[in-house]
Structure formats: C-alpha cells, structure tokens
N, C-alpha and C. Protein backbone atom coordinates (compact mmCIF):
# COMPACT_ATOMS: atom_id res chain seq x y z
N MET A 1 -16.90 1.65 9.69
CA MET A 1 -15.40 1.84 9.07
C MET A 1 -14.78 1.40 9.82
N HIS A 2 -13.70 0.72 8.99
CA HIS A 2 -12.93 0.30 9.81
C HIS A 2 -11.93 1.47 10.84
N PRO A 3 -11.01 0.67 11.41
CA PRO A 3 -10.20 1.56 12.74
C PRO A 3 -9.24 2.37 11.69
N TYR A 4 -8.62 1.14 10.92
CA TYR A 4 -7.50 1.68 9.56
C TYR A 4 -7.99 3.02 8.73
N VAL A 5 -9.41 2.80 8.49
CA VAL A 5 -9.74 3.86 7.32
C VAL A 5 -10.04 5.12 8.14
N LYS A 6 -10.60 5.01 8.90
CA LYS A 6 -11.34 6.16 9.90
C LYS A 6 -9.67 6.97 10.86
N LEU A 7 -8.84 5.84 11.21
CA LEU A 7 -7.51 6.87 11.33
C LEU A 7 -6.92 7.81 10.23
N ALA A 8 -7.18 7.20 9.09
CA ALA A 8 -6.38 7.51 7.74
C ALA A 8 -7.27 9.08 7.40
N LYS A 9 -8.46 8.81 7.66
CA LYS A 9 -9.13 9.99 7.04
C LYS A 9 -9.16 10.95 8.50
N ASP A 10 -9.16 10.80 9.48
CA ASP A 10 -9.06 11.75 10.80
C ASP A 10 -7.93 12.48 10.41
N ALA A 11 -6.70 11.83 10.07
CA ALA A 11 -5.29 12.28 9.60
C ALA A 11 -5.11 13.45 8.41
N VAL A 12 -5.90 12.91 7.47
CA VAL A 12 -6.02 13.77 6.40
C VAL A 12 -7.04 15.15 6.70
N GLU A 13 -7.92 14.88 7.44
CA GLU A 13 -9.07 16.01 7.77
C GLU A 13 -8.29 17.10 8.49
N GLU A 14 -7.52 16.43 9.61
CA GLU A 14 -6.94 17.24 10.63
C GLU A 14 -5.76 18.35 9.93
N TRP A 15 -5.17 17.18 9.02
CA TRP A 15 -4.02 18.28 7.87
C TRP A 15 -4.43 18.98 7.22
N VAL A 16 -5.36 18.96 6.45
CA VAL A 16 -6.02 19.78 5.17
C VAL A 16 -6.44 20.41 6.36
N LEU A 17 -7.32 20.55 7.03
CA LEU A 17 -8.33 21.72 7.82
C LEU A 17 -7.14 22.78 8.79
N HIS A 18 -6.15 21.86 9.39
CA HIS A 18 -5.41 22.77 10.28
C HIS A 18 -4.01 22.75 10.14
N GLY A 19 -3.68 22.22 9.36
CA GLY A 19 -2.09 21.68 9.18
C GLY A 19 -1.43 21.31 10.64
N LYS A 20 -1.95 20.12 11.07
CA LYS A 20 -1.38 19.54 12.08
C LYS A 20 -1.80 18.08 12.21
N LYS A 21 -0.42 17.28 12.73
CA LYS A 21 -0.55 15.83 12.62
C LYS A 21 -1.40 15.38 13.92
N ILE A 22 -2.56 14.70 13.47
CA ILE A 22 -3.13 13.91 14.70
C ILE A 22 -1.97 12.73 15.67
N PRO A 23 -2.57 12.81 16.92
CA PRO A 23 -1.64 12.17 17.68
C PRO A 23 -1.68 10.59 17.43
N VAL A 24 -0.89 9.41 17.60
CA VAL A 24 -1.13 8.24 17.47
C VAL A 24 -1.91 7.90 18.76
N PRO A 25 -3.43 7.00 18.43
CA PRO A 25 -3.85 6.48 19.81
C PRO A 25 -3.24 6.19 20.92
N ASP A 26 -3.84 6.61 22.20
CA ASP A 26 -3.28 6.33 23.37
C ASP A 26 -3.99 6.52 24.25
N PRO A 27 -4.43 4.74 24.74
CA PRO A 27 -3.50 3.85 24.68
C PRO A 27 -3.62 3.23 23.18
N LEU A 28 -2.53 2.94 22.67
CA LEU A 28 -2.34 1.95 21.21
C LEU A 28 -3.60 0.70 21.16
N PRO A 29 -4.59 0.88 20.28
CA PRO A 29 -5.35 -0.43 20.41
C PRO A 29 -4.56 -1.45 19.52
N GLU A 30 -4.74 -2.71 20.20
CA GLU A 30 -4.07 -3.82 19.69
C GLU A 30 -4.24 -3.88 18.31
N VAL A 31 -4.83 -3.40 17.54
CA VAL A 31 -5.11 -3.83 16.05
C VAL A 31 -4.26 -2.58 15.49
N PHE A 32 -3.51 -1.60 16.01
CA PHE A 32 -2.72 -0.60 15.55
C PHE A 32 -0.85 -1.43 15.96
N GLN A 33 -1.15 -2.28 17.15
CA GLN A 33 0.22 -2.47 17.16
C GLN A 33 1.51 -2.99 16.63
N ARG A 34 0.94 -3.89 15.46
CA ARG A 34 2.00 -4.55 14.97
C ARG A 34 2.41 -3.40 13.81
N ARG A 35 4.02 -3.93 13.28
CA ARG A 35 4.49 -2.97 12.29
C ARG A 35 4.35 -3.48 10.94
N ALA A 36 3.73 -2.75 9.99
CA ALA A 36 4.10 -3.13 8.75
C ALA A 36 3.84 -2.23 7.71
N GLY A 37 4.37 -2.31 6.75
CA GLY A 37 4.41 -1.26 5.47
C GLY A 37 2.95 -1.21 5.12
N CYS A 38 2.48 -0.10 4.63
CA CYS A 38 0.93 0.52 3.98
C CYS A 38 1.07 1.85 3.35
N PHE A 39 -0.17 1.35 2.62
CA PHE A 39 -0.55 2.58 1.38
C PHE A 39 -1.65 2.98 2.04
N VAL A 40 -1.75 4.19 1.88
CA VAL A 40 -2.96 5.36 1.69
C VAL A 40 -3.61 5.59 0.59
N THR A 41 -4.54 5.18 0.06
CA THR A 41 -5.19 5.84 -1.39
C THR A 41 -6.39 6.70 -1.25
N LEU A 42 -6.36 7.74 -1.91
CA LEU A 42 -7.61 8.75 -1.45
C LEU A 42 -8.11 8.76 -2.97
N TYR A 43 -9.37 8.47 -3.20
CA TYR A 43 -10.26 8.61 -4.35
C TYR A 43 -11.11 9.48 -4.11
N LYS A 44 -11.53 10.84 -5.38
CA LYS A 44 -12.46 11.54 -5.25
C LYS A 44 -13.52 11.34 -6.44
N ASN A 45 -14.44 11.10 -6.55
CA ASN A 45 -15.39 10.84 -7.35
C ASN A 45 -14.71 9.79 -8.38
N GLY A 46 -14.49 8.74 -7.83
CA GLY A 46 -13.79 7.63 -8.40
C GLY A 46 -12.32 7.59 -8.84
N GLN A 47 -12.24 8.61 -8.69
CA GLN A 47 -10.68 8.81 -9.67
C GLN A 47 -9.80 9.06 -8.49
N LEU A 48 -8.38 8.31 -8.66
CA LEU A 48 -7.19 8.62 -8.36
C LEU A 48 -7.00 9.87 -7.67
N ARG A 49 -6.79 10.07 -6.13
CA ARG A 49 -6.75 11.74 -5.84
C ARG A 49 -5.10 11.68 -5.26
N GLY A 50 -4.68 10.49 -4.65
CA GLY A 50 -3.56 10.38 -4.03
C GLY A 50 -3.09 9.00 -3.43
N CYS A 51 -1.95 8.64 -3.39
CA CYS A 51 -1.59 7.27 -3.34
C CYS A 51 -0.39 7.18 -2.63
N ILE A 52 -0.02 7.18 -1.15
CA ILE A 52 1.38 7.00 -0.88
C ILE A 52 1.49 5.64 0.05
N GLY A 53 2.75 5.39 0.12
CA GLY A 53 2.94 4.31 0.97
C GLY A 53 4.52 3.90 1.54
N THR A 54 4.34 2.79 2.04
CA THR A 54 5.82 2.34 2.57
C THR A 54 5.55 0.75 2.14
N ILE A 55 6.98 0.10 1.75
CA ILE A 55 7.01 -1.45 1.40
C ILE A 55 6.94 -2.34 2.86
N LEU A 56 7.99 -1.44 3.60
CA LEU A 56 8.40 -2.24 5.07
C LEU A 56 7.86 -0.85 5.74
N PRO A 57 7.85 -1.79 6.94
CA PRO A 57 7.27 -0.48 7.94
C PRO A 57 8.87 0.38 8.13
N VAL A 58 8.19 1.68 8.50
CA VAL A 58 9.24 2.54 9.02
C VAL A 58 8.95 3.18 10.19
N TYR A 59 8.15 3.09 10.59
CA TYR A 59 7.42 3.95 12.07
C TYR A 59 7.47 2.52 13.29
N GLU A 60 7.15 3.06 14.24
CA GLU A 60 6.94 2.11 15.36
C GLU A 60 5.88 1.26 15.30
N ASN A 61 4.67 1.77 15.08
CA ASN A 61 3.09 0.68 15.29
C ASN A 61 2.78 1.32 14.10
N LEU A 62 1.52 0.31 13.59
CA LEU A 62 0.89 0.83 12.25
C LEU A 62 0.06 1.76 12.50
N ALA A 63 -0.24 2.50 13.64
CA ALA A 63 -1.14 3.80 13.68
C ALA A 63 -0.45 4.89 12.92
N GLU A 64 1.28 5.00 13.36
CA GLU A 64 2.15 5.86 12.76
C GLU A 64 1.96 5.94 11.14
N GLU A 65 2.26 4.56 11.06
CA GLU A 65 2.40 4.34 9.21
C GLU A 65 1.51 4.91 8.76
N ILE A 66 0.23 4.47 9.11
CA ILE A 66 -0.89 5.16 8.44
C ILE A 66 -1.14 6.47 8.49
N ILE A 67 -0.69 7.61 9.62
CA ILE A 67 -1.04 8.45 9.80
C ILE A 67 0.10 9.54 8.70
N GLU A 68 1.18 9.02 8.85
CA GLU A 68 2.27 9.48 8.15
C GLU A 68 1.99 9.64 6.53
N ASN A 69 1.51 8.08 6.27
CA ASN A 69 1.15 7.94 4.76
C ASN A 69 -0.16 8.47 4.24
N ALA A 70 -0.91 8.79 5.27
CA ALA A 70 -2.20 9.36 4.97
C ALA A 70 -2.06 11.14 4.48
N ILE A 71 -1.25 11.48 5.39
CA ILE A 71 -0.70 12.83 5.29
C ILE A 71 -0.27 13.35 3.96
N ALA A 72 0.83 12.00 3.92
CA ALA A 72 1.54 12.50 2.22
C ALA A 72 0.52 12.10 1.19
N ALA A 73 -0.22 11.29 1.46
CA ALA A 73 -1.45 11.15 0.48
C ALA A 73 -1.81 12.33 -0.02
N CYS A 74 -2.29 13.15 1.07
CA CYS A 74 -3.03 14.45 0.55
C CYS A 74 -2.27 15.13 0.10
N SER A 75 -1.07 15.43 0.50
CA SER A 75 -0.08 16.51 0.48
C SER A 75 1.00 16.73 -0.33
N ARG A 76 1.72 15.11 -0.47
CA ARG A 76 2.80 15.34 -1.27
C ARG A 76 2.93 14.16 -2.30
N ASP A 77 1.91 13.69 -2.97
CA ASP A 77 1.82 12.77 -4.05
C ASP A 77 2.41 13.61 -4.97
N PRO A 78 3.18 13.53 -6.12
CA PRO A 78 3.92 14.47 -6.82
C PRO A 78 2.76 14.50 -8.13
N ARG A 79 1.71 13.32 -8.26
CA ARG A 79 1.24 13.74 -9.44
C ARG A 79 0.14 14.52 -9.01
N PHE A 80 -0.20 14.82 -8.01
CA PHE A 80 -1.29 15.96 -7.53
C PHE A 80 -1.12 17.03 -6.83
N TYR A 81 -1.61 17.80 -6.55
CA TYR A 81 -1.58 19.33 -5.97
C TYR A 81 -2.61 18.93 -4.74
N PRO A 82 -1.92 19.55 -3.74
CA PRO A 82 -2.35 19.29 -2.33
C PRO A 82 -4.15 18.96 -2.03
N VAL A 83 -4.37 18.03 -1.58
CA VAL A 83 -6.27 18.37 -1.28
C VAL A 83 -6.60 19.59 -0.43
N GLU A 84 -7.53 20.32 -0.98
CA GLU A 84 -8.22 21.55 -0.51
C GLU A 84 -9.25 20.89 0.65
N PRO A 85 -9.41 22.10 1.41
CA PRO A 85 -10.70 21.45 2.11
C PRO A 85 -12.09 21.31 1.47
N GLU A 86 -12.26 22.08 0.76
CA GLU A 86 -13.68 21.81 -0.22
C GLU A 86 -13.78 20.59 -0.70
N GLU A 87 -12.58 19.65 -0.95
CA GLU A 87 -12.44 18.31 -1.37
C GLU A 87 -12.96 17.43 -0.57
N LEU A 88 -13.08 17.83 0.93
CA LEU A 88 -12.80 16.37 1.92
C LEU A 88 -14.39 15.91 1.93
N PRO A 89 -15.33 16.37 2.02
CA PRO A 89 -16.48 15.44 1.72
C PRO A 89 -16.45 14.66 0.38
N TYR A 90 -15.86 15.01 -0.51
CA TYR A 90 -15.88 13.97 -1.68
C TYR A 90 -14.88 12.97 -1.74
N LEU A 91 -14.07 12.92 -0.77
CA LEU A 91 -12.56 11.84 -0.55
C LEU A 91 -13.50 10.50 -0.08
N GLU A 92 -13.14 9.49 -0.99
CA GLU A 92 -13.18 7.73 -0.21
C GLU A 92 -11.47 7.84 -0.19
N TYR A 93 -11.56 6.98 1.10
CA TYR A 93 -10.27 5.91 1.72
C TYR A 93 -9.87 4.52 1.41
N LYS A 94 -8.79 4.23 1.34
CA LYS A 94 -8.54 3.02 0.75
C LYS A 94 -7.18 2.80 1.98
N VAL A 95 -7.19 2.04 2.63
CA VAL A 95 -5.55 1.60 3.35
C VAL A 95 -5.46 0.05 3.35
N ASP A 96 -3.87 -0.33 2.76
CA ASP A 96 -3.52 -1.76 2.42
C ASP A 96 -2.34 -1.81 2.87
N VAL A 97 -2.53 -2.88 3.61
CA VAL A 97 -1.49 -3.19 4.88
C VAL A 97 -0.40 -4.59 4.00
N LEU A 98 0.58 -4.54 3.62
CA LEU A 98 1.42 -5.11 3.19
C LEU A 98 1.91 -6.33 3.69
N SER A 99 1.99 -7.47 3.33
CA SER A 99 3.00 -8.48 3.67
C SER A 99 4.16 -8.19 3.64
N GLU A 100 5.36 -8.72 3.86
CA GLU A 100 6.50 -8.74 3.83
C GLU A 100 6.77 -9.33 2.34
N PRO A 101 7.18 -8.72 1.95
CA PRO A 101 7.75 -8.72 0.42
C PRO A 101 8.92 -9.99 0.19
N VAL A 102 8.53 -10.90 -1.01
CA VAL A 102 9.36 -11.96 -0.96
C VAL A 102 9.73 -11.99 -2.34
N PRO A 103 11.05 -12.19 -2.75
CA PRO A 103 11.53 -12.65 -4.22
C PRO A 103 10.79 -13.30 -5.29
N VAL A 104 10.82 -12.69 -6.13
CA VAL A 104 10.08 -13.79 -7.40
C VAL A 104 10.96 -14.46 -8.19
N LYS A 105 11.16 -15.88 -8.22
CA LYS A 105 12.19 -16.73 -9.40
C LYS A 105 11.48 -16.34 -10.82
N SER A 106 10.32 -16.72 -11.19
CA SER A 106 9.72 -16.70 -12.51
C SER A 106 8.15 -15.94 -12.40
N ILE A 107 7.99 -15.20 -13.66
CA ILE A 107 6.87 -14.58 -13.33
C ILE A 107 5.80 -15.28 -13.58
N GLU A 108 5.55 -16.80 -13.43
CA GLU A 108 4.54 -17.67 -13.36
C GLU A 108 4.21 -17.66 -12.35
N GLU A 109 4.77 -16.93 -11.05
CA GLU A 109 4.28 -17.33 -9.24
C GLU A 109 3.52 -15.83 -9.53
N LEU A 110 3.40 -14.98 -10.10
CA LEU A 110 2.74 -13.41 -9.80
C LEU A 110 1.31 -13.92 -10.47
N ASP A 111 0.52 -13.03 -10.02
CA ASP A 111 -0.83 -12.86 -10.33
C ASP A 111 -1.57 -11.48 -9.98
N PRO A 112 -1.41 -10.57 -10.87
CA PRO A 112 -2.08 -9.45 -11.04
C PRO A 112 -3.17 -9.27 -10.14
N LYS A 113 -4.11 -10.22 -9.33
CA LYS A 113 -5.16 -10.14 -8.87
C LYS A 113 -5.06 -10.20 -7.09
N ARG A 114 -3.84 -11.15 -6.91
CA ARG A 114 -3.56 -11.57 -5.83
C ARG A 114 -2.44 -10.86 -4.93
N TYR A 115 -1.40 -10.77 -6.17
CA TYR A 115 -0.28 -9.87 -5.85
C TYR A 115 -0.12 -8.70 -6.09
N GLY A 116 0.78 -7.85 -5.21
CA GLY A 116 1.32 -6.66 -5.62
C GLY A 116 2.62 -7.15 -6.06
N VAL A 117 3.38 -6.19 -6.84
CA VAL A 117 4.73 -6.11 -7.16
C VAL A 117 5.80 -4.76 -6.94
N ILE A 118 6.63 -4.98 -6.90
CA ILE A 118 8.06 -4.15 -6.50
C ILE A 118 8.83 -4.40 -7.40
N VAL A 119 9.36 -3.72 -8.35
CA VAL A 119 10.51 -4.07 -9.11
C VAL A 119 11.92 -3.17 -8.76
N VAL A 120 12.75 -3.67 -9.21
CA VAL A 120 13.76 -2.76 -8.51
C VAL A 120 14.90 -2.81 -9.96
N SER A 121 15.41 -1.86 -10.55
CA SER A 121 16.33 -2.18 -11.72
C SER A 121 17.63 -2.74 -10.98
N ALA A 122 18.13 -3.65 -11.86
CA ALA A 122 19.36 -4.60 -11.16
C ALA A 122 20.70 -3.91 -12.13
N VAL A 123 20.26 -3.02 -12.62
CA VAL A 123 21.60 -1.83 -13.19
C VAL A 123 21.89 -0.45 -11.86
N SER A 124 20.31 0.29 -11.44
CA SER A 124 20.33 1.02 -10.34
C SER A 124 19.50 0.74 -9.46
N PRO A 125 19.89 0.20 -8.33
CA PRO A 125 18.77 -0.39 -7.04
C PRO A 125 18.05 0.71 -6.48
N TYR A 126 18.48 2.10 -6.91
CA TYR A 126 17.28 3.41 -6.31
C TYR A 126 16.13 3.21 -7.14
N LYS A 127 16.02 2.88 -8.32
CA LYS A 127 14.91 2.98 -9.09
C LYS A 127 14.17 1.85 -8.72
N LYS A 128 12.99 1.98 -8.18
CA LYS A 128 12.23 1.41 -7.71
C LYS A 128 10.63 1.52 -7.89
N GLY A 129 9.80 0.44 -8.56
CA GLY A 129 8.58 0.83 -8.77
C GLY A 129 7.76 -0.26 -7.70
N VAL A 130 6.58 0.07 -7.50
CA VAL A 130 5.66 -0.37 -6.71
C VAL A 130 4.41 -0.52 -7.42
N LEU A 131 3.28 -1.83 -7.10
CA LEU A 131 1.91 -1.34 -7.73
C LEU A 131 1.20 -2.42 -6.80
N LEU A 132 0.25 -2.06 -6.53
CA LEU A 132 -0.22 -2.88 -5.48
C LEU A 132 -1.10 -3.67 -6.36
N PRO A 133 -1.85 -4.87 -5.61
CA PRO A 133 -2.48 -5.76 -6.45
C PRO A 133 -4.27 -5.48 -7.22
N ASP A 134 -4.75 -6.20 -7.31
CA ASP A 134 -6.21 -5.89 -7.78
C ASP A 134 -6.50 -4.63 -8.20
N LEU A 135 -5.91 -4.03 -8.93
CA LEU A 135 -6.39 -2.65 -9.93
C LEU A 135 -7.16 -2.79 -10.86
N GLU A 136 -8.21 -1.99 -11.26
CA GLU A 136 -8.77 -2.08 -12.27
C GLU A 136 -8.28 -1.25 -13.54
N GLY A 137 -8.25 -2.53 -14.59
CA GLY A 137 -7.58 -2.45 -15.84
C GLY A 137 -6.19 -3.46 -15.83
N VAL A 138 -5.56 -3.79 -14.69
CA VAL A 138 -4.28 -4.50 -14.74
C VAL A 138 -4.76 -5.75 -14.32
N ASP A 139 -5.14 -6.49 -15.95
CA ASP A 139 -5.36 -7.82 -15.75
C ASP A 139 -4.13 -8.61 -16.03
N THR A 140 -2.90 -8.44 -16.60
CA THR A 140 -1.97 -9.26 -16.94
C THR A 140 -0.75 -8.96 -16.20
N VAL A 141 -0.11 -9.74 -16.00
CA VAL A 141 1.51 -10.08 -15.23
C VAL A 141 2.55 -8.66 -16.13
N GLU A 142 2.48 -8.71 -17.29
CA GLU A 142 3.08 -8.38 -18.17
C GLU A 142 2.86 -6.43 -18.21
N LYS A 143 1.22 -6.45 -18.14
CA LYS A 143 0.85 -4.93 -18.05
C LYS A 143 1.18 -4.37 -16.48
N GLN A 144 1.10 -5.48 -15.38
CA GLN A 144 1.42 -4.91 -14.03
C GLN A 144 3.09 -4.56 -14.16
N LEU A 145 3.84 -5.31 -14.23
CA LEU A 145 5.69 -5.41 -14.59
C LEU A 145 5.79 -4.05 -15.19
N SER A 146 4.93 -3.81 -16.40
CA SER A 146 5.08 -2.58 -17.44
C SER A 146 4.99 -1.21 -16.16
N ILE A 147 3.49 -1.19 -15.46
CA ILE A 147 3.29 -0.44 -14.86
C ILE A 147 4.33 0.12 -13.99
N ALA A 148 4.59 -0.63 -13.35
CA ALA A 148 5.71 -0.62 -12.00
C ALA A 148 7.01 -0.31 -12.69
N MET A 149 7.35 -0.95 -13.62
CA MET A 149 8.85 -0.06 -14.05
C MET A 149 8.60 1.22 -14.43
N ALA A 150 7.56 1.74 -15.40
CA ALA A 150 7.45 2.94 -15.92
C ALA A 150 7.38 3.98 -14.60
N LYS A 151 6.93 3.80 -13.61
CA LYS A 151 6.60 4.35 -12.17
C LYS A 151 8.20 4.58 -11.78
N ALA A 152 8.79 3.57 -11.86
CA ALA A 152 10.78 3.93 -11.75
C ALA A 152 11.41 4.21 -12.47
N GLY A 153 11.09 4.42 -13.75
CA GLY A 153 11.81 5.41 -14.74
C GLY A 153 12.62 3.82 -15.14
N ILE A 154 12.25 2.71 -15.14
CA ILE A 154 13.26 1.95 -15.48
C ILE A 154 12.86 1.48 -17.18
N HIS A 155 13.57 1.50 -17.83
CA HIS A 155 13.76 0.81 -19.03
C HIS A 155 13.54 -0.40 -19.17
N PRO A 156 12.45 -1.01 -20.47
CA PRO A 156 11.70 -1.76 -20.74
C PRO A 156 12.62 -3.30 -20.97
N ASP A 157 14.06 -2.67 -21.43
CA ASP A 157 14.89 -3.44 -21.50
C ASP A 157 16.25 -3.78 -20.35
N GLU A 158 15.58 -3.09 -19.48
CA GLU A 158 16.80 -3.06 -18.29
C GLU A 158 16.35 -4.28 -17.36
N PRO A 159 17.68 -4.87 -16.97
CA PRO A 159 17.02 -6.08 -15.94
C PRO A 159 16.56 -5.62 -14.83
N ILE A 160 15.85 -6.36 -14.40
CA ILE A 160 15.01 -5.89 -12.80
C ILE A 160 14.60 -7.29 -11.84
N GLU A 161 15.09 -7.14 -10.57
CA GLU A 161 14.85 -8.01 -10.09
C GLU A 161 13.06 -7.58 -9.45
N VAL A 162 12.29 -8.48 -9.11
CA VAL A 162 10.93 -8.66 -9.01
C VAL A 162 10.98 -9.36 -7.48
N TYR A 163 9.82 -8.76 -6.67
CA TYR A 163 9.21 -9.19 -5.90
C TYR A 163 7.67 -9.67 -5.55
N LYS A 164 7.26 -10.14 -4.82
CA LYS A 164 5.49 -10.29 -4.43
C LYS A 164 5.22 -9.78 -3.07
N PHE A 165 4.02 -9.39 -3.05
CA PHE A 165 3.49 -9.45 -1.78
C PHE A 165 1.57 -9.50 -1.78
N THR A 166 1.38 -9.66 -0.71
CA THR A 166 -0.17 -9.79 -0.70
C THR A 166 -0.53 -8.48 0.30
N VAL A 167 -1.63 -8.08 0.13
CA VAL A 167 -2.46 -6.96 0.90
C VAL A 167 -3.75 -7.54 1.77
N GLU A 168 -4.01 -6.46 3.04
CA GLU A 168 -5.30 -6.80 3.60
C GLU A 168 -5.53 -5.16 3.10
N ARG A 169 -6.84 -5.30 2.37
CA ARG A 169 -7.43 -3.99 1.88
C ARG A 169 -8.40 -3.70 2.74
N TYR A 170 -8.59 -2.55 3.14
CA TYR A 170 -9.64 -1.85 3.88
C TYR A 170 -10.18 -0.55 2.87
N GLY A 171 -11.69 -0.65 3.24
CA GLY A 171 -11.99 0.39 2.62
C GLY A 171 -13.24 1.00 3.31
N GLU A 172 -14.02 1.93 3.02
CA GLU A 172 -14.85 2.93 4.21
C GLU A 172 -16.04 1.92 3.99
N ASP A 173 -16.29 0.89 3.50
CA ASP A 173 -17.51 0.41 3.83
C ASP A 173 -17.20 -0.97 4.70
N GLU A 174 -16.10 -1.31 5.12
CA GLU A 174 -15.37 -2.44 6.01
C GLU A 174 -15.58 -2.12 7.55
C-alpha cells in the first residue's frame, strides 16, 4: 500500500474509532514533504462513500493535507452520513495529488480521461465546482463540465472560467 493511502486509512480509522486526529509523521518522510492539493476518496462495496479535497495546498505539507482531507471525507462530506466503525473493514481508499491548475482557453484543451476540471462562475466567483479526471461514466468534456457546474450550483447558461489539472492517483493496490 502506498504511503499516501496508508496515511489516509490510518487517519480515517483513528477518527472513526477514537475521534482523534493522528499526528503528522515525525520525522516527516521525504514523500510527504512537498505541498500540493489532494483529494481523499472513500468507496464502500465499489460505491462512493465520501470524497473531500483541496485544489491548492492549504497545509504545511502533503501529510497534513492527506490527514485533514481523509477526516473530512469520512465525517463531513455533505452527501453522506459519517462513516461508522462497522464500515471500516469494507472501505477502499484513493488519494489523488493534484498538479497546479492552469486556465483553459478552449475546451479543445480538455480530455476527461487525462485532466480534472475546476469551473468557476464568472458571475459569482464563490460558486466553484471540481471534478477529478478519469471517472467512470464521464467520457466527454461536455459531461465533465456539466457535472462540475451542477456540483457548484452554476446554471448551464452562466458564463464560467475553466481550469484543468492532472492528478497522481494512488489506490490500495499501489
């Protein structure tokens, strides 16, 4: 199991079982020393169970970013109730580490298998939607943008700014 995934799993288990945040590893291994946004995604029996992340780094290092997002994914994703202890054996974990987002001038620059997207309303910049790349059932740029806009509450006719990013994806089998 990749260290990013193990850290996310350990953070979720400690939070769900004991209501405590695990400490950042000390000394901090080199693999965690960089700063980057990341998403932690939880699946139960192949179905989404929670996903929370940061587009840009918020914390001092990637370890802290993963710990905070793992806790949020298991306890504060508004689409789901908090993870219960009896669910822990059935959870699968993914950690996506994001590249820096870059503005998109034309949708021809996008590819839903390769790039994630961030859509921001040009009318209300606090309305922002994010969709990771290479998601099952998302095969077109139009569908990817439509889902990201819906997540943000952006009306289909509303003008948007679009950013793209790549991810390094880590699962339990890596």
